Amino acid sequence: MDQIFTTVSSKGQLVIPIQIREALGIEPGTRIGIRQEGSEVILRPLTQTAARGLIKELCGITAGGPSMTGDLIADRHAEDAKSNW
């Protein structure tokens, strides 16, 4: 998408152009995360679309690491054995 310009109002507000709102699923009431990175301002909409993208981005992030499942099952069996059930 080509660069689009907007102007900050005297109240510090800015309009997000419709092309961007539609592409990102931003609707009235959508929360927007904002942070500064050096001399840039980063806006991140907190929409279902963005949430799905974040989940997809994080999916598999721990792949190849140690699995805790076996340890947790062993701990549960040990607790059951101690409880005299």
Protein backbone atom coordinates (compact mmCIF):
# COMPACT_ATOMS: atom_id res chain seq x y z
CA MET A 1 0.00 0.00 0.00
CA ASP A 2 1.30 3.44 -0.89
CA GLN A 3 2.02 5.92 1.86
CA ILE A 4 -1.06 7.88 2.93
CA PHE A 5 -0.89 11.17 4.78
CA THR A 6 -3.19 12.49 7.49
CA THR A 7 -3.02 15.50 9.80
CA VAL A 8 -3.05 15.60 13.60
CA SER A 9 -5.81 17.85 14.98
CA SER A 10 -5.32 20.50 17.67
CA LYS A 11 -6.59 17.90 20.18
CA GLY A 12 -3.90 15.39 19.12
CA GLN A 13 -6.38 13.25 17.18
CA LEU A 14 -5.76 11.75 13.78
CA VAL A 15 -7.98 10.02 11.25
CA ILE A 16 -6.96 6.58 10.06
CA PRO A 17 -7.83 6.48 6.35
CA ILE A 18 -10.68 4.17 5.33
CA GLN A 19 -8.45 1.96 3.17
CA ILE A 20 -6.35 1.09 6.23
CA ARG A 21 -9.35 0.74 8.56
CA GLU A 22 -11.03 -1.69 6.18
CA ALA A 23 -7.85 -3.69 5.53
CA LEU A 24 -7.20 -4.11 9.27
CA GLY A 25 -10.81 -4.52 10.43
CA ILE A 26 -10.77 -1.32 12.50
CA GLU A 27 -14.31 -0.30 13.46
CA PRO A 28 -15.66 2.37 15.82
CA GLY A 29 -14.67 1.39 19.35
CA THR A 30 -11.62 -0.66 18.29
CA ARG A 31 -8.81 -0.29 20.80
CA ILE A 32 -5.48 0.77 19.32
CA GLY A 33 -2.14 0.01 20.97
CA ILE A 34 0.43 2.75 20.50
CA ARG A 35 4.16 2.79 21.20
CA GLN A 36 7.23 4.74 20.22
CA GLU A 37 10.19 3.08 18.52
CA GLY A 38 12.94 5.64 18.10
CA SER A 39 11.47 8.45 16.02
CA GLU A 40 8.49 6.35 14.83
CA VAL A 41 5.02 5.88 16.28
CA ILE A 42 3.67 2.34 15.93
CA LEU A 43 -0.11 1.79 16.00
CA ARG A 44 -1.46 -1.75 16.45
CA PRO A 45 -5.20 -2.37 16.33
CA LEU A 46 -6.52 -4.83 18.90
CA THR A 47 -9.07 -6.50 16.62
CA GLN A 48 -10.03 -10.13 16.06
CA THR A 49 -8.05 -10.01 12.82
CA ALA A 50 -5.00 -8.70 14.66
CA ALA A 51 -5.44 -11.28 17.42
CA ARG A 52 -5.56 -14.10 14.87
CA GLY A 53 -2.43 -12.69 13.23
CA LEU A 54 -0.63 -12.58 16.58
CA ILE A 55 -1.69 -16.13 17.39
CA LYS A 56 -0.49 -17.28 13.96
CA GLU A 57 2.80 -15.42 14.50
CA LEU A 58 3.34 -17.09 17.89
CA CYS A 59 2.21 -20.56 16.80
CA GLY A 60 5.11 -22.98 17.06
CA ILE A 61 7.39 -20.51 18.84
CA THR A 62 8.38 -23.20 21.36
CA ALA A 63 8.66 -26.02 18.83
CA GLY A 64 11.74 -28.13 19.28
CA GLY A 65 12.11 -27.16 22.93
CA PRO A 66 11.70 -29.48 25.90
CA SER A 67 8.21 -30.85 26.53
CA MET A 68 6.84 -30.45 30.01
CA THR A 69 3.90 -32.81 29.44
CA GLY A 70 5.71 -35.93 30.65
CA ASP A 71 6.98 -34.14 33.75
CA LEU A 72 3.51 -32.83 34.58
CA ILE A 73 1.94 -36.28 34.21
CA ALA A 74 4.63 -37.81 36.43
CA ASP A 75 4.03 -35.11 39.05
CA ARG A 76 0.28 -35.79 39.02
CA HIS A 77 0.86 -39.54 39.46
CA ALA A 78 3.23 -38.85 42.36
CA GLU A 79 0.65 -36.56 44.01
CA ASP A 80 -2.06 -39.19 43.55
CA ALA A 81 0.18 -41.84 45.13
CA LYS A 82 0.84 -39.58 48.14
CA SER A 83 -2.84 -38.77 48.67
CA ASN A 84 -3.69 -42.43 49.51
CA TRP A 85 -6.77 -42.52 47.28
